[in-house]
N, C-alpha and C. Protein backbone atom coordinates (compact mmCIF):
# COMPACT_ATOMS: atom_id res chain seq x y z
N MET A 1 -39.18 16.65 7.86
CA MET A 1 -37.86 17.07 7.41
C MET A 1 -37.34 16.02 6.52
N PRO A 2 -36.70 16.40 5.37
CA PRO A 2 -36.13 15.47 4.42
C PRO A 2 -34.90 14.75 5.00
N THR A 3 -34.73 13.48 4.66
CA THR A 3 -33.59 12.78 5.06
C THR A 3 -32.40 13.20 4.27
N ILE A 4 -31.20 13.38 4.95
CA ILE A 4 -29.97 13.73 4.21
C ILE A 4 -29.44 12.46 3.70
N GLN A 5 -29.04 12.47 2.46
CA GLN A 5 -28.43 11.25 1.84
C GLN A 5 -26.93 11.52 1.63
N HIS A 6 -26.12 10.55 1.95
CA HIS A 6 -24.72 10.67 1.79
C HIS A 6 -24.37 9.96 0.49
N ILE A 7 -23.61 10.71 -0.30
CA ILE A 7 -23.13 10.19 -1.59
C ILE A 7 -21.60 10.17 -1.54
N ASP A 8 -20.99 9.01 -1.64
CA ASP A 8 -19.58 8.89 -1.60
C ASP A 8 -18.92 9.12 -3.05
N ILE A 9 -18.16 10.20 -3.13
CA ILE A 9 -17.57 10.53 -4.45
C ILE A 9 -16.02 10.33 -4.42
N THR A 10 -15.59 9.51 -3.45
CA THR A 10 -14.19 9.29 -3.30
C THR A 10 -13.70 8.54 -4.61
N PRO A 11 -12.68 9.09 -5.23
CA PRO A 11 -12.22 8.37 -6.51
C PRO A 11 -11.55 7.10 -6.17
N THR A 12 -11.51 6.19 -7.08
CA THR A 12 -10.79 4.93 -6.86
C THR A 12 -9.33 5.21 -7.11
N TRP A 13 -8.45 4.23 -6.58
CA TRP A 13 -7.01 4.43 -6.84
C TRP A 13 -6.73 4.27 -8.32
N ARG A 14 -7.46 3.43 -8.97
CA ARG A 14 -7.25 3.22 -10.42
C ARG A 14 -7.48 4.54 -11.16
N SER A 15 -8.52 5.22 -10.85
CA SER A 15 -8.83 6.47 -11.63
C SER A 15 -7.86 7.54 -11.26
N VAL A 16 -7.42 7.60 -10.01
CA VAL A 16 -6.40 8.61 -9.61
C VAL A 16 -5.12 8.35 -10.42
N VAL A 17 -4.70 7.13 -10.44
CA VAL A 17 -3.45 6.74 -11.16
C VAL A 17 -3.50 7.25 -12.56
N GLY A 18 -4.60 6.95 -13.24
CA GLY A 18 -4.76 7.34 -14.64
C GLY A 18 -4.60 8.84 -14.75
N ILE A 19 -5.20 9.63 -13.92
CA ILE A 19 -5.18 11.05 -13.93
C ILE A 19 -3.66 11.51 -13.71
N LEU A 20 -3.02 10.91 -12.70
CA LEU A 20 -1.74 11.31 -12.37
C LEU A 20 -0.73 10.97 -13.49
N ILE A 21 -0.92 9.84 -14.10
CA ILE A 21 0.04 9.49 -15.31
C ILE A 21 -0.18 10.51 -16.33
N GLU A 22 -1.41 10.87 -16.63
CA GLU A 22 -1.63 11.88 -17.70
C GLU A 22 -0.98 13.27 -17.33
N VAL A 23 -1.12 13.70 -16.05
CA VAL A 23 -0.60 14.90 -15.67
C VAL A 23 0.91 14.83 -15.62
N ALA A 24 1.51 13.76 -15.18
CA ALA A 24 2.95 13.61 -15.13
C ALA A 24 3.53 13.71 -16.54
N ALA A 25 2.86 13.18 -17.53
CA ALA A 25 3.32 13.20 -18.89
C ALA A 25 3.09 14.52 -19.63
N ASN A 26 1.86 15.04 -19.33
CA ASN A 26 1.42 16.12 -20.20
C ASN A 26 0.82 17.33 -19.40
N GLY A 27 1.20 17.51 -18.20
CA GLY A 27 0.75 18.52 -17.33
C GLY A 27 1.19 19.89 -17.96
N GLU A 28 0.42 21.00 -17.75
CA GLU A 28 0.69 22.29 -18.32
C GLU A 28 1.92 22.96 -17.81
N THR A 29 2.26 22.65 -16.44
CA THR A 29 3.44 23.27 -15.91
C THR A 29 4.41 22.21 -15.38
N SER A 30 5.64 22.58 -15.19
CA SER A 30 6.62 21.64 -14.71
C SER A 30 6.25 21.32 -13.28
N ARG A 31 5.71 22.26 -12.56
CA ARG A 31 5.28 21.97 -11.12
C ARG A 31 4.21 20.94 -11.11
N ALA A 32 3.23 20.95 -11.99
CA ALA A 32 2.12 20.01 -11.99
C ALA A 32 2.79 18.66 -12.36
N ARG A 33 3.64 18.58 -13.30
CA ARG A 33 4.25 17.24 -13.67
C ARG A 33 5.01 16.72 -12.51
N LEU A 34 5.76 17.54 -11.77
CA LEU A 34 6.57 17.18 -10.70
C LEU A 34 5.65 16.64 -9.53
N GLU A 35 4.58 17.36 -9.20
CA GLU A 35 3.70 16.94 -8.14
C GLU A 35 3.01 15.65 -8.45
N ALA A 36 2.64 15.50 -9.73
CA ALA A 36 1.97 14.23 -10.15
C ALA A 36 3.01 13.06 -9.95
N ARG A 37 4.24 13.20 -10.35
CA ARG A 37 5.25 12.11 -10.15
C ARG A 37 5.44 11.87 -8.70
N ASN A 38 5.51 12.95 -7.84
CA ASN A 38 5.64 12.82 -6.41
C ASN A 38 4.49 12.04 -5.85
N GLU A 39 3.30 12.30 -6.25
CA GLU A 39 2.11 11.66 -5.73
C GLU A 39 2.09 10.19 -6.13
N LEU A 40 2.51 9.82 -7.41
CA LEU A 40 2.64 8.48 -7.79
C LEU A 40 3.63 7.72 -6.89
N GLY A 41 4.71 8.44 -6.60
CA GLY A 41 5.69 7.76 -5.70
C GLY A 41 5.17 7.50 -4.32
N ARG A 42 4.39 8.51 -3.81
CA ARG A 42 3.83 8.39 -2.44
C ARG A 42 2.88 7.20 -2.49
N MET A 43 2.03 7.10 -3.53
CA MET A 43 1.09 5.99 -3.67
C MET A 43 1.86 4.62 -3.77
N ALA A 44 2.94 4.59 -4.49
CA ALA A 44 3.65 3.42 -4.53
C ALA A 44 4.26 2.99 -3.18
N ASP A 45 4.73 4.02 -2.38
CA ASP A 45 5.27 3.69 -1.07
C ASP A 45 4.08 3.16 -0.20
N LEU A 46 2.85 3.68 -0.35
CA LEU A 46 1.74 3.17 0.48
C LEU A 46 1.48 1.74 0.07
N ALA A 47 1.51 1.44 -1.24
CA ALA A 47 1.25 0.06 -1.68
C ALA A 47 2.38 -0.94 -1.19
N ASP A 48 3.62 -0.42 -1.09
CA ASP A 48 4.70 -1.24 -0.66
C ASP A 48 4.48 -1.58 0.83
N GLY A 49 4.05 -0.47 1.61
CA GLY A 49 3.80 -0.73 3.06
C GLY A 49 2.61 -1.68 3.29
N TYR A 50 1.63 -1.58 2.47
CA TYR A 50 0.51 -2.56 2.58
C TYR A 50 0.94 -3.97 2.30
N ALA A 51 1.77 -4.08 1.33
CA ALA A 51 2.29 -5.45 0.95
C ALA A 51 3.07 -6.04 2.12
N ALA A 52 3.97 -5.26 2.70
CA ALA A 52 4.82 -5.65 3.82
C ALA A 52 3.93 -6.05 5.02
N LEU A 53 2.85 -5.27 5.34
CA LEU A 53 2.00 -5.60 6.39
C LEU A 53 1.21 -6.92 6.08
N SER A 54 0.85 -7.13 4.86
CA SER A 54 0.14 -8.39 4.51
C SER A 54 1.04 -9.62 4.70
N ILE A 55 2.30 -9.47 4.39
CA ILE A 55 3.20 -10.56 4.62
C ILE A 55 3.43 -10.89 6.07
N LYS A 56 3.59 -9.81 6.83
CA LYS A 56 3.81 -9.84 8.34
C LYS A 56 2.48 -10.58 8.90
N SER A 57 1.36 -10.13 8.46
CA SER A 57 0.07 -10.74 9.00
C SER A 57 0.03 -12.17 8.67
N GLU A 58 0.34 -12.60 7.46
CA GLU A 58 0.30 -14.01 7.06
C GLU A 58 1.37 -14.77 7.84
N ASP A 59 2.50 -14.24 8.12
CA ASP A 59 3.60 -14.96 8.90
C ASP A 59 3.02 -15.24 10.33
N ARG A 60 2.38 -14.20 10.89
CA ARG A 60 1.88 -14.39 12.20
C ARG A 60 0.67 -15.33 12.23
N ARG A 61 -0.13 -15.36 11.20
CA ARG A 61 -1.24 -16.26 11.18
C ARG A 61 -0.64 -17.75 11.06
N THR A 62 0.30 -17.93 10.19
CA THR A 62 0.97 -19.29 10.08
C THR A 62 1.51 -19.76 11.40
N ALA A 63 2.19 -18.91 12.15
CA ALA A 63 2.74 -19.26 13.43
C ALA A 63 1.67 -19.64 14.39
N LEU A 64 0.66 -18.89 14.45
CA LEU A 64 -0.49 -19.23 15.35
C LEU A 64 -1.15 -20.43 14.98
N GLU A 65 -1.33 -20.75 13.71
CA GLU A 65 -2.01 -21.96 13.25
C GLU A 65 -1.06 -23.22 13.71
N LEU A 66 0.18 -23.10 13.63
CA LEU A 66 0.99 -24.19 14.02
C LEU A 66 0.92 -24.34 15.55
N ILE A 67 0.95 -23.22 16.33
CA ILE A 67 0.91 -23.31 17.73
C ILE A 67 -0.44 -23.91 18.17
N ALA A 68 -1.53 -23.57 17.47
CA ALA A 68 -2.89 -24.02 17.83
C ALA A 68 -3.27 -25.38 17.39
N SER A 69 -2.31 -26.02 16.65
CA SER A 69 -2.66 -27.41 16.15
C SER A 69 -3.12 -28.39 17.19
N PRO A 70 -4.03 -29.20 16.86
CA PRO A 70 -4.51 -30.12 17.86
C PRO A 70 -3.60 -31.14 18.48
N MET A 71 -3.94 -31.70 19.58
CA MET A 71 -3.09 -32.66 20.16
C MET A 71 -3.17 -34.02 19.39
N ARG A 72 -2.15 -34.72 19.38
CA ARG A 72 -2.12 -35.97 18.67
C ARG A 72 -2.99 -37.09 19.55
N PRO A 73 -3.45 -38.14 18.89
CA PRO A 73 -4.21 -39.09 19.55
C PRO A 73 -3.46 -39.72 20.81
N ASP A 74 -2.13 -39.68 20.84
CA ASP A 74 -1.41 -40.27 21.96
C ASP A 74 -1.19 -39.25 23.09
N GLY A 75 -1.81 -38.07 22.90
CA GLY A 75 -1.73 -37.05 23.93
C GLY A 75 -0.54 -36.09 23.91
N THR A 76 0.26 -36.23 22.87
CA THR A 76 1.36 -35.27 22.68
C THR A 76 1.03 -34.29 21.64
N TRP A 77 1.82 -33.21 21.66
CA TRP A 77 1.54 -32.11 20.73
C TRP A 77 2.45 -32.23 19.53
N ASN A 78 2.00 -31.57 18.49
CA ASN A 78 2.71 -31.62 17.15
C ASN A 78 3.95 -30.69 17.23
N ARG A 79 4.03 -29.86 18.16
CA ARG A 79 5.13 -28.88 18.27
C ARG A 79 5.56 -28.83 19.76
N ASP A 80 6.87 -28.81 19.98
CA ASP A 80 7.29 -28.59 21.40
C ASP A 80 7.25 -27.05 21.78
N ARG A 81 7.32 -26.88 23.00
CA ARG A 81 7.22 -25.42 23.56
C ARG A 81 8.29 -24.52 22.94
N GLU A 82 9.51 -25.01 22.87
CA GLU A 82 10.60 -24.14 22.34
C GLU A 82 10.42 -23.81 20.86
N ALA A 83 9.89 -24.82 20.06
CA ALA A 83 9.65 -24.63 18.68
C ALA A 83 8.54 -23.47 18.58
N CYS A 84 7.53 -23.58 19.37
CA CYS A 84 6.46 -22.53 19.33
C CYS A 84 6.94 -21.16 19.68
N ARG A 85 7.83 -21.11 20.71
CA ARG A 85 8.36 -19.81 21.13
C ARG A 85 9.20 -19.20 20.00
N GLN A 86 10.02 -20.05 19.26
CA GLN A 86 10.83 -19.49 18.19
C GLN A 86 9.95 -19.04 17.03
N LEU A 87 8.86 -19.76 16.74
CA LEU A 87 7.99 -19.34 15.69
C LEU A 87 7.32 -17.94 16.03
N ALA A 88 6.94 -17.82 17.25
CA ALA A 88 6.34 -16.57 17.73
C ALA A 88 7.34 -15.38 17.70
N VAL A 89 8.54 -15.66 18.12
CA VAL A 89 9.66 -14.61 18.07
C VAL A 89 9.92 -14.18 16.63
N GLU A 90 10.02 -15.14 15.69
CA GLU A 90 10.26 -14.79 14.35
C GLU A 90 9.11 -14.01 13.66
N ALA A 91 7.90 -14.41 14.04
CA ALA A 91 6.72 -13.78 13.46
C ALA A 91 6.58 -12.31 13.95
N LEU A 92 6.93 -12.14 15.20
CA LEU A 92 6.87 -10.78 15.78
C LEU A 92 7.92 -9.93 15.35
N LYS A 93 9.08 -10.42 14.99
CA LYS A 93 10.13 -9.53 14.48
C LYS A 93 9.88 -8.91 13.19
N ARG A 94 9.20 -9.60 12.34
CA ARG A 94 8.94 -9.04 10.88
C ARG A 94 8.06 -7.91 10.82
C-alpha cells in the first residue's frame, strides 16, 4: 500500500497580506473590498495580541530570573522576600 504524503499548503501571513491589500484596493465588489479590510483589521488585532503576550511573558521571565538569582557568598540573598512578592504580583497582573 502506498504511503500517504502530507503536503502543507497553508499560505504565509505575508502572502495573505499581499492578497488582502490588493483585494481591499481593487476588489471587484464593494463587499470583497470591505471583507478584505475587515480581515486585515482582524489580522492586526491578532498581531497586537501576540505582542502583548510576548511582553507579559518577558516580564514574568524577568521576575523569575530575579527571584532565582543565586545566594551571595555571605549567605544572604540578592532580593528580600517582599521584593520578590511584589515582582511576582506585578508580573502576574499584566
